[in-house]
Amino acid sequence: MSTVREGLPEGRYGRSADERADRKLKIVGSVLGVGLLAVVGWIGWDYVAGQTVSAEVIKFQVVSDSEVQVHLEVRKDASVAGVCTLISQDRGHGEVGRADFAFPQRASRVDEVVSLKTTARATAVELVGCQAAGSAG
Protein backbone atom coordinates (compact mmCIF):
# COMPACT_ATOMS: atom_id res chain seq x y z
CA MET A 1 0.00 0.00 0.00
CA SER A 2 1.11 3.46 -0.66
CA THR A 3 0.56 6.48 1.58
CA VAL A 4 -0.55 9.80 0.24
CA ARG A 5 1.08 12.97 1.56
CA GLU A 6 -0.93 16.15 1.54
CA GLY A 7 1.80 18.74 2.20
CA LEU A 8 5.50 19.30 1.90
CA PRO A 9 7.77 17.64 4.43
CA GLU A 10 8.34 19.94 7.39
CA GLY A 11 11.66 21.76 7.50
CA ARG A 12 12.79 20.47 4.15
CA TYR A 13 12.31 23.65 2.13
CA GLY A 14 12.93 26.38 4.77
CA ARG A 15 10.39 28.73 6.29
CA SER A 16 7.27 29.65 4.42
CA ALA A 17 6.68 33.23 3.30
CA ASP A 18 3.95 33.61 5.94
CA GLU A 19 6.31 32.61 8.75
CA ARG A 20 8.96 35.11 7.57
CA ALA A 21 6.35 37.89 7.36
CA ASP A 22 5.03 37.06 10.85
CA ARG A 23 8.55 37.21 12.28
CA LYS A 24 9.24 40.58 10.63
CA LEU A 25 5.97 41.99 11.95
CA LYS A 26 6.80 40.81 15.47
CA ILE A 27 10.24 42.45 15.31
CA VAL A 28 8.89 45.73 13.91
CA GLY A 29 6.08 45.78 16.49
CA SER A 30 8.51 45.13 19.34
CA VAL A 31 10.87 47.89 18.21
CA LEU A 32 8.01 50.39 17.83
CA GLY A 33 6.57 49.40 21.22
CA VAL A 34 9.91 49.88 22.98
CA GLY A 35 10.36 53.22 21.19
CA LEU A 36 6.91 54.41 22.26
CA LEU A 37 7.56 53.42 25.87
CA ALA A 38 10.88 55.28 25.80
CA VAL A 39 9.25 58.46 24.46
CA VAL A 40 6.40 58.33 27.00
CA GLY A 41 8.88 57.69 29.82
CA TRP A 42 11.12 60.55 28.73
CA ILE A 43 8.19 63.01 28.51
CA GLY A 44 6.90 61.91 31.92
CA TRP A 45 10.32 62.19 33.56
CA ASP A 46 10.90 65.63 32.01
CA TYR A 47 7.53 66.82 33.31
CA VAL A 48 8.03 65.48 36.84
CA ALA A 49 11.67 66.56 37.09
CA GLY A 50 10.77 70.05 35.84
CA GLN A 51 8.21 70.59 38.62
CA THR A 52 10.29 72.20 41.36
CA VAL A 53 7.30 74.11 42.75
CA SER A 54 3.69 72.91 42.78
CA ALA A 55 0.61 73.92 44.71
CA GLU A 56 -3.01 73.07 45.30
CA VAL A 57 -5.97 75.27 46.21
CA ILE A 58 -7.43 73.66 49.32
CA LYS A 59 -10.38 76.06 49.61
CA PHE A 60 -11.34 79.66 49.10
CA GLN A 61 -13.74 82.07 50.78
CA VAL A 62 -15.27 85.19 49.24
CA VAL A 63 -14.79 87.82 51.96
CA SER A 64 -16.33 90.78 50.09
CA ASP A 65 -16.97 92.16 46.62
CA SER A 66 -13.27 93.10 46.46
CA GLU A 67 -11.46 90.24 48.23
CA VAL A 68 -11.12 86.46 48.25
CA GLN A 69 -9.09 84.49 50.77
CA VAL A 70 -7.43 81.40 49.31
CA HIS A 71 -5.93 78.50 51.29
CA LEU A 72 -2.92 77.17 49.34
CA GLU A 73 -0.71 74.18 49.97
CA VAL A 74 2.66 74.68 48.25
CA ARG A 75 5.20 71.87 47.74
CA LYS A 76 8.77 72.69 46.74
CA ASP A 77 12.41 72.03 47.49
CA ALA A 78 13.31 73.64 50.82
CA SER A 79 16.11 75.62 49.16
CA VAL A 80 13.81 77.10 46.48
CA ALA A 81 11.64 80.20 46.76
CA GLY A 82 8.39 79.70 44.89
CA VAL A 83 5.92 82.01 43.17
CA CYS A 84 2.32 80.99 42.43
CA THR A 85 -0.18 82.83 40.24
CA LEU A 86 -3.88 82.89 41.14
CA ILE A 87 -6.83 84.31 39.21
CA SER A 88 -10.40 84.88 40.32
CA GLN A 89 -13.45 84.88 38.08
CA ASP A 90 -16.94 86.30 38.34
CA ARG A 91 -20.21 84.53 37.58
CA GLY A 92 -19.78 85.12 33.81
CA HIS A 93 -16.24 83.59 33.90
CA GLY A 94 -14.63 86.99 33.44
CA GLU A 95 -11.35 87.57 35.23
CA VAL A 96 -11.80 89.94 38.19
CA GLY A 97 -8.47 89.42 39.95
CA ARG A 98 -4.95 88.15 39.34
CA ALA A 99 -1.91 88.11 41.60
CA ASP A 100 1.44 86.42 42.15
CA PHE A 101 2.24 85.19 45.64
CA ALA A 102 5.80 84.48 46.80
CA PHE A 103 6.71 81.64 49.14
CA PRO A 104 10.31 82.23 50.28
CA GLN A 105 10.04 79.95 53.34
CA ARG A 106 12.82 77.40 53.70
CA ALA A 107 10.40 74.48 53.97
CA SER A 108 9.35 71.77 51.53
CA ARG A 109 5.64 72.20 52.34
CA VAL A 110 3.98 75.55 53.00
CA ASP A 111 0.34 75.83 54.09
CA GLU A 112 -0.82 79.44 53.80
CA VAL A 113 -3.94 81.58 53.39
CA VAL A 114 -3.44 84.48 50.96
CA SER A 115 -5.71 87.42 50.16
CA LEU A 116 -6.56 88.05 46.50
CA LYS A 117 -7.96 91.50 45.68
CA THR A 118 -10.73 91.61 43.05
CA THR A 119 -12.46 94.29 40.96
CA ALA A 120 -15.88 92.62 41.38
CA ARG A 121 -17.43 89.77 43.40
CA ALA A 122 -15.63 86.52 42.63
CA THR A 123 -17.31 83.14 42.33
CA ALA A 124 -14.28 81.02 41.46
CA VAL A 125 -10.53 80.91 42.07
CA GLU A 126 -8.04 79.13 39.84
CA LEU A 127 -4.38 78.33 40.34
CA VAL A 128 -2.67 79.22 37.07
CA GLY A 129 0.67 77.70 38.04
CA CYS A 130 3.79 77.88 40.17
CA GLN A 131 7.48 78.20 39.44
CA ALA A 132 10.75 78.83 41.16
CA ALA A 133 11.27 82.53 41.91
CA GLY A 134 13.37 84.12 39.21
CA SER A 135 12.69 81.45 36.55
CA ALA A 136 11.02 82.41 33.31
CA GLY A 137 7.70 80.88 32.11
C-alpha atoms as a PDB file:
ATOM      1  CA  MET A   1       0.000   0.000   0.000  1.00  0.00           C
ATOM      2  CA  SER A   2       1.107   3.455  -0.662  1.00  0.00           C
ATOM      3  CA  THR A   3       0.556   6.477   1.581  1.00  0.00           C
ATOM      4  CA  VAL A   4      -0.552   9.801   0.244  1.00  0.00           C
ATOM      5  CA  ARG A   5       1.081  12.966   1.557  1.00  0.00           C
ATOM      6  CA  GLU A   6      -0.930  16.152   1.542  1.00  0.00           C
ATOM      7  CA  GLY A   7       1.801  18.742   2.195  1.00  0.00           C
ATOM      8  CA  LEU A   8       5.504  19.302   1.902  1.00  0.00           C
ATOM      9  CA  PRO A   9       7.774  17.637   4.425  1.00  0.00           C
ATOM     10  CA  GLU A  10       8.338  19.943   7.392  1.00  0.00           C
ATOM     11  CA  GLY A  11      11.660  21.762   7.502  1.00  0.00           C
ATOM     12  CA  ARG A  12      12.787  20.472   4.147  1.00  0.00           C
ATOM     13  CA  TYR A  13      12.312  23.648   2.125  1.00  0.00           C
ATOM     14  CA  GLY A  14      12.927  26.383   4.771  1.00  0.00           C
ATOM     15  CA  ARG A  15      10.394  28.729   6.293  1.00  0.00           C
ATOM     16  CA  SER A  16       7.272  29.650   4.425  1.00  0.00           C
ATOM     17  CA  ALA A  17       6.683  33.230   3.303  1.00  0.00           C
ATOM     18  CA  ASP A  18       3.946  33.615   5.940  1.00  0.00           C
ATOM     19  CA  GLU A  19       6.309  32.605   8.749  1.00  0.00           C
ATOM     20  CA  ARG A  20       8.957  35.108   7.570  1.00  0.00           C
ATOM     21  CA  ALA A  21       6.353  37.894   7.355  1.00  0.00           C
ATOM     22  CA  ASP A  22       5.026  37.063  10.846  1.00  0.00           C
ATOM     23  CA  ARG A  23       8.553  37.208  12.279  1.00  0.00           C
ATOM     24  CA  LYS A  24       9.243  40.576  10.633  1.00  0.00           C
ATOM     25  CA  LEU A  25       5.972  41.995  11.947  1.00  0.00           C
ATOM     26  CA  LYS A  26       6.800  40.814  15.469  1.00  0.00           C
ATOM     27  CA  ILE A  27      10.240  42.446  15.312  1.00  0.00           C
ATOM     28  CA  VAL A  28       8.894  45.735  13.915  1.00  0.00           C
ATOM     29  CA  GLY A  29       6.078  45.776  16.494  1.00  0.00           C
ATOM     30  CA  SER A  30       8.505  45.125  19.343  1.00  0.00           C
ATOM     31  CA  VAL A  31      10.865  47.890  18.209  1.00  0.00           C
ATOM     32  CA  LEU A  32       8.009  50.385  17.833  1.00  0.00           C
ATOM     33  CA  GLY A  33       6.571  49.400  21.223  1.00  0.00           C
ATOM     34  CA  VAL A  34       9.905  49.880  22.979  1.00  0.00           C
ATOM     35  CA  GLY A  35      10.362  53.216  21.192  1.00  0.00           C
ATOM     36  CA  LEU A  36       6.914  54.411  22.261  1.00  0.00           C
ATOM     37  CA  LEU A  37       7.555  53.415  25.870  1.00  0.00           C
ATOM     38  CA  ALA A  38      10.879  55.281  25.802  1.00  0.00           C
ATOM     39  CA  VAL A  39       9.245  58.461  24.464  1.00  0.00           C
ATOM     40  CA  VAL A  40       6.397  58.335  27.003  1.00  0.00           C
ATOM     41  CA  GLY A  41       8.877  57.690  29.825  1.00  0.00           C
ATOM     42  CA  TRP A  42      11.117  60.554  28.728  1.00  0.00           C
ATOM     43  CA  ILE A  43       8.193  63.010  28.509  1.00  0.00           C
ATOM     44  CA  GLY A  44       6.905  61.905  31.921  1.00  0.00           C
ATOM     45  CA  TRP A  45      10.323  62.188  33.561  1.00  0.00           C
ATOM     46  CA  ASP A  46      10.900  65.626  32.005  1.00  0.00           C
ATOM     47  CA  TYR A  47       7.528  66.818  33.312  1.00  0.00           C
ATOM     48  CA  VAL A  48       8.029  65.484  36.841  1.00  0.00           C
ATOM     49  CA  ALA A  49      11.668  66.563  37.095  1.00  0.00           C
ATOM     50  CA  GLY A  50      10.772  70.054  35.844  1.00  0.00           C
ATOM     51  CA  GLN A  51       8.209  70.589  38.619  1.00  0.00           C
ATOM     52  CA  THR A  52      10.291  72.200  41.358  1.00  0.00           C
ATOM     53  CA  VAL A  53       7.300  74.109  42.753  1.00  0.00           C
ATOM     54  CA  SER A  54       3.693  72.910  42.784  1.00  0.00           C
ATOM     55  CA  ALA A  55       0.607  73.924  44.714  1.00  0.00           C
ATOM     56  CA  GLU A  56      -3.014  73.066  45.298  1.00  0.00           C
ATOM     57  CA  VAL A  57      -5.970  75.265  46.206  1.00  0.00           C
ATOM     58  CA  ILE A  58      -7.432  73.659  49.318  1.00  0.00           C
ATOM     59  CA  LYS A  59     -10.379  76.057  49.608  1.00  0.00           C
ATOM     60  CA  PHE A  60     -11.344  79.661  49.103  1.00  0.00           C
ATOM     61  CA  GLN A  61     -13.744  82.072  50.777  1.00  0.00           C
ATOM     62  CA  VAL A  62     -15.272  85.190  49.237  1.00  0.00           C
ATOM     63  CA  VAL A  63     -14.791  87.818  51.957  1.00  0.00           C
ATOM     64  CA  SER A  64     -16.331  90.780  50.093  1.00  0.00           C
ATOM     65  CA  ASP A  65     -16.973  92.162  46.625  1.00  0.00           C
ATOM     66  CA  SER A  66     -13.268  93.095  46.459  1.00  0.00           C
ATOM     67  CA  GLU A  67     -11.462  90.239  48.228  1.00  0.00           C
ATOM     68  CA  VAL A  68     -11.124  86.456  48.248  1.00  0.00           C
ATOM     69  CA  GLN A  69      -9.093  84.487  50.769  1.00  0.00           C
ATOM     70  CA  VAL A  70      -7.428  81.403  49.305  1.00  0.00           C
ATOM     71  CA  HIS A  71      -5.932  78.503  51.286  1.00  0.00           C
ATOM     72  CA  LEU A  72      -2.916  77.172  49.335  1.00  0.00           C
ATOM     73  CA  GLU A  73      -0.707  74.180  49.970  1.00  0.00           C
ATOM     74  CA  VAL A  74       2.659  74.678  48.251  1.00  0.00           C
ATOM     75  CA  ARG A  75       5.204  71.869  47.741  1.00  0.00           C
ATOM     76  CA  LYS A  76       8.771  72.689  46.736  1.00  0.00           C
ATOM     77  CA  ASP A  77      12.408  72.025  47.491  1.00  0.00           C
ATOM     78  CA  ALA A  78      13.312  73.637  50.816  1.00  0.00           C
ATOM     79  CA  SER A  79      16.110  75.617  49.161  1.00  0.00           C
ATOM     80  CA  VAL A  80      13.814  77.098  46.478  1.00  0.00           C
ATOM     81  CA  ALA A  81      11.638  80.203  46.764  1.00  0.00           C
ATOM     82  CA  GLY A  82       8.390  79.698  44.886  1.00  0.00           C
ATOM     83  CA  VAL A  83       5.917  82.015  43.173  1.00  0.00           C
ATOM     84  CA  CYS A  84       2.325  80.988  42.431  1.00  0.00           C
ATOM     85  CA  THR A  85      -0.177  82.833  40.237  1.00  0.00           C
ATOM     86  CA  LEU A  86      -3.882  82.887  41.136  1.00  0.00           C
ATOM     87  CA  ILE A  87      -6.828  84.310  39.213  1.00  0.00           C
ATOM     88  CA  SER A  88     -10.404  84.883  40.316  1.00  0.00           C
ATOM     89  CA  GLN A  89     -13.448  84.882  38.077  1.00  0.00           C
ATOM     90  CA  ASP A  90     -16.938  86.302  38.338  1.00  0.00           C
ATOM     91  CA  ARG A  91     -20.213  84.529  37.576  1.00  0.00           C
ATOM     92  CA  GLY A  92     -19.782  85.116  33.812  1.00  0.00           C
ATOM     93  CA  HIS A  93     -16.243  83.592  33.899  1.00  0.00           C
ATOM     94  CA  GLY A  94     -14.631  86.994  33.444  1.00  0.00           C
ATOM     95  CA  GLU A  95     -11.347  87.575  35.235  1.00  0.00           C
ATOM     96  CA  VAL A  96     -11.800  89.939  38.192  1.00  0.00           C
ATOM     97  CA  GLY A  97      -8.467  89.419  39.947  1.00  0.00           C
ATOM     98  CA  ARG A  98      -4.946  88.152  39.337  1.00  0.00           C
ATOM     99  CA  ALA A  99      -1.914  88.111  41.596  1.00  0.00           C
ATOM    100  CA  ASP A 100       1.442  86.415  42.151  1.00  0.00           C
ATOM    101  CA  PHE A 101       2.243  85.191  45.645  1.00  0.00           C
ATOM    102  CA  ALA A 102       5.800  84.478  46.796  1.00  0.00           C
ATOM    103  CA  PHE A 103       6.714  81.639  49.141  1.00  0.00           C
ATOM    104  CA  PRO A 104      10.314  82.229  50.282  1.00  0.00           C
ATOM    105  CA  GLN A 105      10.035  79.948  53.343  1.00  0.00           C
ATOM    106  CA  ARG A 106      12.819  77.400  53.697  1.00  0.00           C
ATOM    107  CA  ALA A 107      10.395  74.482  53.971  1.00  0.00           C
ATOM    108  CA  SER A 108       9.348  71.770  51.530  1.00  0.00           C
ATOM    109  CA  ARG A 109       5.639  72.198  52.339  1.00  0.00           C
ATOM    110  CA  VAL A 110       3.983  75.546  52.998  1.00  0.00           C
ATOM    111  CA  ASP A 111       0.338  75.832  54.087  1.00  0.00           C
ATOM    112  CA  GLU A 112      -0.816  79.443  53.805  1.00  0.00           C
ATOM    113  CA  VAL A 113      -3.939  81.579  53.390  1.00  0.00           C
ATOM    114  CA  VAL A 114      -3.439  84.476  50.959  1.00  0.00           C
ATOM    115  CA  SER A 115      -5.711  87.418  50.156  1.00  0.00           C
ATOM    116  CA  LEU A 116      -6.556  88.047  46.496  1.00  0.00           C
ATOM    117  CA  LYS A 117      -7.956  91.501  45.678  1.00  0.00           C
ATOM    118  CA  THR A 118     -10.725  91.606  43.052  1.00  0.00           C
ATOM    119  CA  THR A 119     -12.458  94.287  40.964  1.00  0.00           C
ATOM    120  CA  ALA A 120     -15.884  92.620  41.383  1.00  0.00           C
ATOM    121  CA  ARG A 121     -17.433  89.774  43.396  1.00  0.00           C
ATOM    122  CA  ALA A 122     -15.629  86.524  42.627  1.00  0.00           C
ATOM    123  CA  THR A 123     -17.314  83.144  42.328  1.00  0.00           C
ATOM    124  CA  ALA A 124     -14.277  81.015  41.459  1.00  0.00           C
ATOM    125  CA  VAL A 125     -10.532  80.908  42.065  1.00  0.00           C
ATOM    126  CA  GLU A 126      -8.038  79.128  39.837  1.00  0.00           C
ATOM    127  CA  LEU A 127      -4.379  78.328  40.343  1.00  0.00           C
ATOM    128  CA  VAL A 128      -2.672  79.223  37.071  1.00  0.00           C
ATOM    129  CA  GLY A 129       0.674  77.698  38.038  1.00  0.00           C
ATOM    130  CA  CYS A 130       3.793  77.883  40.166  1.00  0.00           C
ATOM    131  CA  GLN A 131       7.481  78.201  39.440  1.00  0.00           C
ATOM    132  CA  ALA A 132      10.751  78.831  41.164  1.00  0.00           C
ATOM    133  CA  ALA A 133      11.272  82.529  41.907  1.00  0.00           C
ATOM    134  CA  GLY A 134      13.373  84.121  39.209  1.00  0.00           C
ATOM    135  CA  SER A 135      12.686  81.447  36.555  1.00  0.00           C
ATOM    136  CA  ALA A 136      11.016  82.413  33.311  1.00  0.00           C
ATOM    137  CA  GLY A 137       7.703  80.878  32.110  1.00  0.00           C
END
